[in-house]
PDB file of N, CA and C in Angstrom:
ATOM      1  N   UNK A   1       0.836  -1.166   0.000  1.00  0.00           N
ATOM      2  CA  UNK A   1       0.000   0.000   0.000  1.00  0.00           C
ATOM      3  C   UNK A   1       0.893   1.245   0.000  1.00  0.00           C
ATOM      4  N   UNK A   2       0.692   2.150  -0.939  1.00  0.00           N
ATOM      5  CA  UNK A   2       1.472   3.378  -1.029  1.00  0.00           C
ATOM      6  C   UNK A   2       1.070   4.324   0.090  1.00  0.00           C
ATOM      7  N   UNK A   3       2.048   5.021   0.612  1.00  0.00           N
ATOM      8  CA  UNK A   3       1.812   5.975   1.685  1.00  0.00           C
ATOM      9  C   UNK A   3       2.742   7.154   1.462  1.00  0.00           C
ATOM     10  N   UNK A   4       2.179   8.314   1.180  1.00  0.00           N
ATOM     11  CA  UNK A   4       2.975   9.505   0.882  1.00  0.00           C
ATOM     12  C   UNK A   4       3.899   9.872   2.036  1.00  0.00           C
ATOM     13  N   UNK A   5       3.523   9.504   3.257  1.00  0.00           N
ATOM     14  CA  UNK A   5       4.378   9.831   4.403  1.00  0.00           C
ATOM     15  C   UNK A   5       5.649   9.007   4.419  1.00  0.00           C
ATOM     16  N   UNK A   6       5.627   7.825   3.827  1.00  0.00           N
ATOM     17  CA  UNK A   6       6.775   6.926   3.946  1.00  0.00           C
ATOM     18  C   UNK A   6       7.406   6.533   2.619  1.00  0.00           C
ATOM     19  N   UNK A   7       6.795   6.866   1.484  1.00  0.00           N
ATOM     20  CA  UNK A   7       7.286   6.407   0.179  1.00  0.00           C
ATOM     21  C   UNK A   7       8.359   7.286  -0.453  1.00  0.00           C
ATOM     22  N   UNK A   8       8.617   8.465   0.059  1.00  0.00           N
ATOM     23  CA  UNK A   8       9.545   9.403  -0.553  1.00  0.00           C
ATOM     24  C   UNK A   8      10.962   8.825  -0.563  1.00  0.00           C
ATOM     25  N   UNK A   9      11.471   8.491  -1.750  1.00  0.00           N
ATOM     26  CA  UNK A   9      12.785   7.855  -1.835  1.00  0.00           C
ATOM     27  C   UNK A   9      13.928   8.829  -1.596  1.00  0.00           C
ATOM     28  N   UNK A  10      13.706  10.138  -1.757  1.00  0.00           N
ATOM     29  CA  UNK A  10      14.767  11.127  -1.551  1.00  0.00           C
ATOM     30  C   UNK A  10      14.922  11.505  -0.076  1.00  0.00           C
ATOM     31  N   UNK A  11      13.926  11.215   0.721  1.00  0.00           N
ATOM     32  CA  UNK A  11      13.966  11.607   2.138  1.00  0.00           C
ATOM     33  C   UNK A  11      14.999  10.792   2.895  1.00  0.00           C
ATOM     34  N   UNK A  12      15.545  11.414   3.902  1.00  0.00           N
ATOM     35  CA  UNK A  12      16.417  10.719   4.852  1.00  0.00           C
ATOM     36  C   UNK A  12      15.658  10.600   6.163  1.00  0.00           C
ATOM     37  N   UNK A  13      15.720   9.428   6.732  1.00  0.00           N
ATOM     38  CA  UNK A  13      15.042   9.133   7.990  1.00  0.00           C
ATOM     39  C   UNK A  13      16.064   9.151   9.108  1.00  0.00           C
ATOM     40  N   UNK A  14      15.637   9.653  10.279  1.00  0.00           N
ATOM     41  CA  UNK A  14      16.518   9.630  11.432  1.00  0.00           C
ATOM     42  C   UNK A  14      15.701   9.577  12.711  1.00  0.00           C
ATOM     43  N   UNK A  15      16.350   9.134  13.774  1.00  0.00           N
ATOM     44  CA  UNK A  15      15.693   9.077  15.073  1.00  0.00           C
ATOM     45  C   UNK A  15      15.470  10.493  15.598  1.00  0.00           C
ATOM     46  N   UNK A  16      14.374  10.675  16.318  1.00  0.00           N
ATOM     47  CA  UNK A  16      14.180  11.933  17.043  1.00  0.00           C
ATOM     48  C   UNK A  16      15.239  11.994  18.144  1.00  0.00           C
ATOM     49  N   UNK A  17      15.820  13.157  18.379  1.00  0.00           N
ATOM     50  CA  UNK A  17      16.913  13.230  19.355  1.00  0.00           C
ATOM     51  C   UNK A  17      16.465  13.106  20.811  1.00  0.00           C
ATOM     52  N   UNK A  18      15.203  13.327  21.095  1.00  0.00           N
ATOM     53  CA  UNK A  18      14.729  13.307  22.485  1.00  0.00           C
ATOM     54  C   UNK A  18      14.169  11.943  22.884  1.00  0.00           C
ATOM     55  N   UNK A  19      14.787  10.880  22.380  1.00  0.00           N
ATOM     56  CA  UNK A  19      14.345   9.515  22.678  1.00  0.00           C
ATOM     57  C   UNK A  19      15.521   8.730  23.233  1.00  0.00           C
ATOM     58  N   UNK A  20      15.289   8.072  24.346  1.00  0.00           N
ATOM     59  CA  UNK A  20      16.297   7.162  24.895  1.00  0.00           C
ATOM     60  C   UNK A  20      15.841   5.737  24.598  1.00  0.00           C
ATOM     61  N   UNK A  21      16.784   4.831  24.474  1.00  0.00           N
ATOM     62  CA  UNK A  21      16.405   3.468  24.105  1.00  0.00           C
ATOM     63  C   UNK A  21      17.431   2.455  24.590  1.00  0.00           C
ATOM     64  N   UNK A  22      16.972   1.207  24.651  1.00  0.00           N
ATOM     65  CA  UNK A  22      17.822   0.074  24.986  1.00  0.00           C
ATOM     66  C   UNK A  22      17.414  -1.104  24.115  1.00  0.00           C
ATOM     67  N   UNK A  23      18.414  -1.837  23.688  1.00  0.00           N
ATOM     68  CA  UNK A  23      18.176  -3.035  22.886  1.00  0.00           C
ATOM     69  C   UNK A  23      18.030  -4.226  23.803  1.00  0.00           C
ATOM     70  N   UNK A  24      16.880  -4.889  23.720  1.00  0.00           N
ATOM     71  CA  UNK A  24      16.634  -6.099  24.489  1.00  0.00           C
ATOM     72  C   UNK A  24      16.853  -7.316  23.612  1.00  0.00           C
ATOM     73  N   UNK A  25      16.694  -8.509  24.164  1.00  0.00           N
ATOM     74  CA  UNK A  25      16.936  -9.719  23.375  1.00  0.00           C
ATOM     75  C   UNK A  25      15.948  -9.913  22.226  1.00  0.00           C
ATOM     76  N   UNK A  26      14.729  -9.403  22.358  1.00  0.00           N
ATOM     77  CA  UNK A  26      13.743  -9.609  21.294  1.00  0.00           C
ATOM     78  C   UNK A  26      12.929  -8.356  21.003  1.00  0.00           C
ATOM     79  N   UNK A  27      13.403  -7.214  21.461  1.00  0.00           N
ATOM     80  CA  UNK A  27      12.672  -5.954  21.259  1.00  0.00           C
ATOM     81  C   UNK A  27      13.597  -4.783  21.530  1.00  0.00           C
ATOM     82  N   UNK A  28      13.117  -3.612  21.161  1.00  0.00           N
ATOM     83  CA  UNK A  28      13.806  -2.370  21.489  1.00  0.00           C
ATOM     84  C   UNK A  28      12.874  -1.584  22.407  1.00  0.00           C
ATOM     85  N   UNK A  29      13.390  -1.187  23.545  1.00  0.00           N
ATOM     86  CA  UNK A  29      12.626  -0.389  24.493  1.00  0.00           C
ATOM     87  C   UNK A  29      12.959   1.076  24.227  1.00  0.00           C
ATOM     88  N   UNK A  30      11.951   1.890  23.950  1.00  0.00           N
ATOM     89  CA  UNK A  30      12.166   3.307  23.663  1.00  0.00           C
ATOM     90  C   UNK A  30      11.302   4.146  24.598  1.00  0.00           C
ATOM     91  N   UNK A  31      11.780   5.346  24.862  1.00  0.00           N
ATOM     92  CA  UNK A  31      11.012   6.272  25.697  1.00  0.00           C
ATOM     93  C   UNK A  31      11.349   7.690  25.284  1.00  0.00           C
ATOM     94  N   UNK A  32      10.316   8.419  24.909  1.00  0.00           N
ATOM     95  CA  UNK A  32      10.501   9.844  24.639  1.00  0.00           C
ATOM     96  C   UNK A  32      10.759  10.524  25.974  1.00  0.00           C
ATOM     97  N   UNK A  33      11.737  11.419  26.015  1.00  0.00           N
ATOM     98  CA  UNK A  33      12.041  12.131  27.249  1.00  0.00           C
ATOM     99  C   UNK A  33      10.769  12.832  27.728  1.00  0.00           C
ATOM    100  N   UNK A  34      10.374  12.543  28.945  1.00  0.00           N
ATOM    101  CA  UNK A  34       9.158  13.115  29.501  1.00  0.00           C
ATOM    102  C   UNK A  34       7.883  12.426  29.040  1.00  0.00           C
ATOM    103  N   UNK A  35       8.011  11.314  28.316  1.00  0.00           N
ATOM    104  CA  UNK A  35       6.835  10.627  27.794  1.00  0.00           C
ATOM    105  C   UNK A  35       6.785   9.175  28.218  1.00  0.00           C
ATOM    106  N   UNK A  36       5.869   8.462  27.612  1.00  0.00           N
ATOM    107  CA  UNK A  36       5.686   7.050  27.915  1.00  0.00           C
ATOM    108  C   UNK A  36       6.700   6.197  27.168  1.00  0.00           C
ATOM    109  N   UNK A  37       6.933   5.016  27.699  1.00  0.00           N
ATOM    110  CA  UNK A  37       7.808   4.055  27.048  1.00  0.00           C
ATOM    111  C   UNK A  37       7.033   3.143  26.115  1.00  0.00           C
ATOM    112  N   UNK A  38       7.723   2.610  25.126  1.00  0.00           N
ATOM    113  CA  UNK A  38       7.129   1.685  24.157  1.00  0.00           C
ATOM    114  C   UNK A  38       8.081   0.532  23.915  1.00  0.00           C
ATOM    115  N   UNK A  39       7.525  -0.598  23.548  1.00  0.00           N
ATOM    116  CA  UNK A  39       8.318  -1.734  23.088  1.00  0.00           C
ATOM    117  C   UNK A  39       8.173  -1.826  21.582  1.00  0.00           C
ATOM    118  N   UNK A  40       9.287  -1.811  20.875  1.00  0.00           N
ATOM    119  CA  UNK A  40       9.275  -2.007  19.420  1.00  0.00           C
ATOM    120  C   UNK A  40       9.687  -3.443  19.140  1.00  0.00           C
ATOM    121  N   UNK A  41       8.930  -4.111  18.278  1.00  0.00           N
ATOM    122  CA  UNK A  41       9.250  -5.478  17.883  1.00  0.00           C
ATOM    123  C   UNK A  41       9.185  -5.570  16.361  1.00  0.00           C
ATOM    124  N   UNK A  42       9.698  -6.648  15.827  1.00  0.00           N
ATOM    125  CA  UNK A  42       9.603  -6.900  14.389  1.00  0.00           C
ATOM    126  C   UNK A  42      10.275  -5.834  13.545  1.00  0.00           C
ATOM    127  N   UNK A  43       9.606  -5.467  12.456  1.00  0.00           N
ATOM    128  CA  UNK A  43      10.168  -4.516  11.492  1.00  0.00           C
ATOM    129  C   UNK A  43      10.465  -3.162  12.122  1.00  0.00           C
ATOM    130  N   UNK A  44       9.591  -2.696  13.018  1.00  0.00           N
ATOM    131  CA  UNK A  44       9.824  -1.395  13.650  1.00  0.00           C
ATOM    132  C   UNK A  44      11.117  -1.420  14.463  1.00  0.00           C
ATOM    133  N   UNK A  45      11.366  -2.503  15.169  1.00  0.00           N
ATOM    134  CA  UNK A  45      12.607  -2.622  15.936  1.00  0.00           C
ATOM    135  C   UNK A  45      13.817  -2.662  15.001  1.00  0.00           C
ATOM    136  N   UNK A  46      13.701  -3.381  13.892  1.00  0.00           N
ATOM    137  CA  UNK A  46      14.812  -3.456  12.939  1.00  0.00           C
ATOM    138  C   UNK A  46      15.111  -2.097  12.318  1.00  0.00           C
ATOM    139  N   UNK A  47      14.064  -1.364  11.969  1.00  0.00           N
ATOM    140  CA  UNK A  47      14.263  -0.021  11.415  1.00  0.00           C
ATOM    141  C   UNK A  47      14.928   0.866  12.451  1.00  0.00           C
ATOM    142  N   UNK A  48      14.467   0.820  13.686  1.00  0.00           N
ATOM    143  CA  UNK A  48      15.047   1.652  14.738  1.00  0.00           C
ATOM    144  C   UNK A  48      16.549   1.395  14.870  1.00  0.00           C
ATOM    145  N   UNK A  49      16.923   0.131  14.943  1.00  0.00           N
ATOM    146  CA  UNK A  49      18.338  -0.216  15.094  1.00  0.00           C
ATOM    147  C   UNK A  49      19.134   0.243  13.868  1.00  0.00           C
ATOM    148  N   UNK A  50      18.562   0.105  12.685  1.00  0.00           N
ATOM    149  CA  UNK A  50      19.251   0.505  11.456  1.00  0.00           C
ATOM    150  C   UNK A  50      19.446   2.017  11.360  1.00  0.00           C
ATOM    151  N   UNK A  51      18.632   2.773  12.073  1.00  0.00           N
ATOM    152  CA  UNK A  51      18.731   4.238  12.021  1.00  0.00           C
ATOM    153  C   UNK A  51      19.809   4.745  12.977  1.00  0.00           C
ATOM    154  N   UNK A  52      21.031   4.275  12.778  1.00  0.00           N
ATOM    155  CA  UNK A  52      22.149   4.738  13.599  1.00  0.00           C
ATOM    156  C   UNK A  52      22.712   6.054  13.065  1.00  0.00           C
ATOM    157  N   UNK A  53      22.079   6.568  12.052  1.00  0.00           N
ATOM    158  CA  UNK A  53      22.374   7.856  11.441  1.00  0.00           C
ATOM    159  C   UNK A  53      21.312   8.092  10.393  1.00  0.00           C
ATOM    160  N   UNK A  54      21.289   9.272   9.759  1.00  0.00           N
ATOM    161  CA  UNK A  54      20.287   9.516   8.712  1.00  0.00           C
ATOM    162  C   UNK A  54      20.426   8.495   7.580  1.00  0.00           C
ATOM    163  N   UNK A  55      19.304   7.921   7.166  1.00  0.00           N
ATOM    164  CA  UNK A  55      19.312   6.898   6.107  1.00  0.00           C
ATOM    165  C   UNK A  55      18.150   7.098   5.159  1.00  0.00           C
ATOM    166  N   UNK A  56      18.389   6.799   3.898  1.00  0.00           N
ATOM    167  CA  UNK A  56      17.324   6.785   2.896  1.00  0.00           C
ATOM    168  C   UNK A  56      16.602   5.441   2.981  1.00  0.00           C
ATOM    169  N   UNK A  57      15.473   5.340   2.272  1.00  0.00           N
ATOM    170  CA  UNK A  57      14.769   4.041   2.200  1.00  0.00           C
ATOM    171  C   UNK A  57      15.691   2.960   1.651  1.00  0.00           C
ATOM    172  N   UNK A  58      16.462   3.301   0.621  1.00  0.00           N
ATOM    173  CA  UNK A  58      17.385   2.315   0.023  1.00  0.00           C
ATOM    174  C   UNK A  58      18.412   1.850   1.054  1.00  0.00           C
ATOM    175  N   UNK A  59      18.936   2.775   1.849  1.00  0.00           N
ATOM    176  CA  UNK A  59      19.871   2.404   2.913  1.00  0.00           C
ATOM    177  C   UNK A  59      19.215   1.439   3.898  1.00  0.00           C
ATOM    178  N   UNK A  60      17.977   1.750   4.271  1.00  0.00           N
ATOM    179  CA  UNK A  60      17.256   0.898   5.225  1.00  0.00           C
ATOM    180  C   UNK A  60      17.020  -0.496   4.652  1.00  0.00           C
ATOM    181  N   UNK A  61      16.616  -0.555   3.389  1.00  0.00           N
ATOM    182  CA  UNK A  61      16.394  -1.851   2.740  1.00  0.00           C
ATOM    183  C   UNK A  61      17.686  -2.664   2.744  1.00  0.00           C
ATOM    184  N   UNK A  62      18.805  -2.035   2.374  1.00  0.00           N
ATOM    185  CA  UNK A  62      20.094  -2.744   2.357  1.00  0.00           C
ATOM    186  C   UNK A  62      20.451  -3.280   3.738  1.00  0.00           C
ATOM    187  N   UNK A  63      20.306  -2.434   4.739  1.00  0.00           N
ATOM    188  CA  UNK A  63      20.672  -2.814   6.106  1.00  0.00           C
ATOM    189  C   UNK A  63      19.759  -3.918   6.650  1.00  0.00           C
ATOM    190  N   UNK A  64      18.458  -3.745   6.494  1.00  0.00           N
ATOM    191  CA  UNK A  64      17.497  -4.672   7.089  1.00  0.00           C
ATOM    192  C   UNK A  64      17.445  -5.993   6.334  1.00  0.00           C
ATOM    193  N   UNK A  65      17.622  -5.965   5.015  1.00  0.00           N
ATOM    194  CA  UNK A  65      17.528  -7.206   4.229  1.00  0.00           C
ATOM    195  C   UNK A  65      18.632  -8.196   4.586  1.00  0.00           C
ATOM    196  N   UNK A  66      19.732  -7.715   5.172  1.00  0.00           N
ATOM    197  CA  UNK A  66      20.783  -8.640   5.594  1.00  0.00           C
ATOM    198  C   UNK A  66      20.352  -9.451   6.814  1.00  0.00           C
ATOM    199  N   UNK A  67      19.308  -8.981   7.510  1.00  0.00           N
ATOM    200  CA  UNK A  67      18.787  -9.674   8.687  1.00  0.00           C
ATOM    201  C   UNK A  67      17.480 -10.387   8.376  1.00  0.00           C
ATOM    202  N   UNK A  68      16.582  -9.693   7.626  1.00  0.00           N
ATOM    203  CA  UNK A  68      15.265 -10.250   7.332  1.00  0.00           C
ATOM    204  C   UNK A  68      14.745  -9.699   6.013  1.00  0.00           C
ATOM    205  N   UNK A  69      14.639 -10.552   5.013  1.00  0.00           N
ATOM    206  CA  UNK A  69      14.105 -10.116   3.722  1.00  0.00           C
ATOM    207  C   UNK A  69      12.663  -9.654   3.859  1.00  0.00           C
ATOM    208  N   UNK A  70      11.886 -10.313   4.706  1.00  0.00           N
ATOM    209  CA  UNK A  70      10.477  -9.945   4.872  1.00  0.00           C
ATOM    210  C   UNK A  70      10.336  -8.548   5.465  1.00  0.00           C
ATOM    211  N   UNK A  71      11.178  -8.190   6.419  1.00  0.00           N
ATOM    212  CA  UNK A  71      11.103  -6.870   7.053  1.00  0.00           C
ATOM    213  C   UNK A  71      11.506  -5.761   6.096  1.00  0.00           C
ATOM    214  N   UNK A  72      12.273  -6.097   5.058  1.00  0.00           N
ATOM    215  CA  UNK A  72      12.709  -5.107   4.084  1.00  0.00           C
ATOM    216  C   UNK A  72      11.732  -4.934   2.925  1.00  0.00           C
ATOM    217  N   UNK A  73      10.680  -5.764   2.882  1.00  0.00           N
ATOM    218  CA  UNK A  73       9.661  -5.619   1.839  1.00  0.00           C
ATOM    219  C   UNK A  73       8.974  -4.264   1.982  1.00  0.00           C
ATOM    220  N   UNK A  74       8.554  -3.649   0.862  1.00  0.00           N
ATOM    221  CA  UNK A  74       7.962  -2.303   0.920  1.00  0.00           C
ATOM    222  C   UNK A  74       6.809  -2.155   1.919  1.00  0.00           C
ATOM    223  N   UNK A  75       5.892  -3.108   1.951  1.00  0.00           N
ATOM    224  CA  UNK A  75       4.756  -2.988   2.881  1.00  0.00           C
ATOM    225  C   UNK A  75       5.209  -3.029   4.340  1.00  0.00           C
ATOM    226  N   UNK A  76       6.137  -3.921   4.658  1.00  0.00           N
ATOM    227  CA  UNK A  76       6.631  -4.025   6.037  1.00  0.00           C
ATOM    228  C   UNK A  76       7.423  -2.777   6.420  1.00  0.00           C
ATOM    229  N   UNK A  77       8.253  -2.286   5.500  1.00  0.00           N
ATOM    230  CA  UNK A  77       9.037  -1.087   5.776  1.00  0.00           C
ATOM    231  C   UNK A  77       8.129   0.127   5.953  1.00  0.00           C
ATOM    232  N   UNK A  78       7.126   0.267   5.078  1.00  0.00           N
ATOM    233  CA  UNK A  78       6.169   1.375   5.219  1.00  0.00           C
ATOM    234  C   UNK A  78       5.434   1.306   6.551  1.00  0.00           C
ATOM    235  N   UNK A  79       4.996   0.118   6.937  1.00  0.00           N
ATOM    236  CA  UNK A  79       4.274  -0.032   8.201  1.00  0.00           C
ATOM    237  C   UNK A  79       5.167   0.340   9.380  1.00  0.00           C
ATOM    238  N   UNK A  80       6.419  -0.079   9.340  1.00  0.00           N
ATOM    239  CA  UNK A  80       7.344   0.239  10.427  1.00  0.00           C
ATOM    240  C   UNK A  80       7.611   1.744  10.496  1.00  0.00           C
ATOM    241  N   UNK A  81       7.871   2.361   9.351  1.00  0.00           N
ATOM    242  CA  UNK A  81       8.111   3.801   9.342  1.00  0.00           C
ATOM    243  C   UNK A  81       6.878   4.575   9.792  1.00  0.00           C
ATOM    244  N   UNK A  82       5.711   4.122   9.357  1.00  0.00           N
ATOM    245  CA  UNK A  82       4.455   4.767   9.755  1.00  0.00           C
ATOM    246  C   UNK A  82       4.275   4.680  11.279  1.00  0.00           C
ATOM    247  N   UNK A  83       4.528   3.504  11.846  1.00  0.00           N
ATOM    248  CA  UNK A  83       4.411   3.323  13.295  1.00  0.00           C
ATOM    249  C   UNK A  83       5.378   4.251  14.033  1.00  0.00           C
ATOM    250  N   UNK A  84       6.620   4.307  13.567  1.00  0.00           N
ATOM    251  CA  UNK A  84       7.618   5.147  14.225  1.00  0.00           C
ATOM    252  C   UNK A  84       7.288   6.638  14.085  1.00  0.00           C
ATOM    253  N   UNK A  85       6.746   7.020  12.930  1.00  0.00           N
ATOM    254  CA  UNK A  85       6.314   8.419  12.735  1.00  0.00           C
ATOM    255  C   UNK A  85       5.149   8.768  13.659  1.00  0.00           C
ATOM    256  N   UNK A  86       4.160   7.905  13.704  1.00  0.00           N
ATOM    257  CA  UNK A  86       2.972   8.167  14.519  1.00  0.00           C
ATOM    258  C   UNK A  86       3.310   8.254  16.003  1.00  0.00           C
ATOM    259  N   UNK A  87       4.333   7.528  16.429  1.00  0.00           N
ATOM    260  CA  UNK A  87       4.763   7.584  17.816  1.00  0.00           C
ATOM    261  C   UNK A  87       5.778   8.715  18.049  1.00  0.00           C
ATOM    262  N   UNK A  88       6.073   9.464  17.006  1.00  0.00           N
ATOM    263  CA  UNK A  88       7.000  10.596  17.047  1.00  0.00           C
ATOM    264  C   UNK A  88       8.392  10.155  17.504  1.00  0.00           C
ATOM    265  N   UNK A  89       8.825   9.013  16.996  1.00  0.00           N
ATOM    266  CA  UNK A  89      10.140   8.484  17.323  1.00  0.00           C
ATOM    267  C   UNK A  89      11.154   8.763  16.225  1.00  0.00           C
ATOM    268  N   UNK A  90      10.663   9.023  14.998  1.00  0.00           N
ATOM    269  CA  UNK A  90      11.560   9.327  13.878  1.00  0.00           C
ATOM    270  C   UNK A  90      11.046  10.561  13.156  1.00  0.00           C
ATOM    271  N   UNK A  91      11.905  11.097  12.306  1.00  0.00           N
ATOM    272  CA  UNK A  91      11.526  12.218  11.445  1.00  0.00           C
ATOM    273  C   UNK A  91      12.221  12.021  10.105  1.00  0.00           C
ATOM    274  N   UNK A  92      11.702  12.701   9.103  1.00  0.00           N
ATOM    275  CA  UNK A  92      12.354  12.630   7.800  1.00  0.00           C
ATOM    276  C   UNK A  92      12.728  14.032   7.365  1.00  0.00           C
ATOM    277  N   UNK A  93      13.809  14.099   6.592  1.00  0.00           N
ATOM    278  CA  UNK A  93      14.285  15.375   6.073  1.00  0.00           C
ATOM    279  C   UNK A  93      14.774  15.149   4.648  1.00  0.00           C
ATOM    280  N   UNK A  94      15.061  16.252   3.978  1.00  0.00           N
ATOM    281  CA  UNK A  94      15.519  16.138   2.591  1.00  0.00           C
ATOM    282  C   UNK A  94      16.877  16.748   2.422  1.00  0.00           C
TER     283      UNK A  94
END
């Protein structure tokens, strides 16, 4: 499913700076400073870990596909980016 918020191939994605996180054995624990904590699992957790700096969609696909081809599929990647955007954990820039 196409999503204008997540389909832009020229955009660079990055973590919001006001988020602290820890990598667990099967999830990523994140917490916005002054906000609630969340557990990221699956594709969202993989995207979070891959965002160790600003990355394009192509960068994310390359990084994530080495771990999970399914998580790097367009629908899974869009869903993960959408979830992270809606939780205000990531931002995109050009």
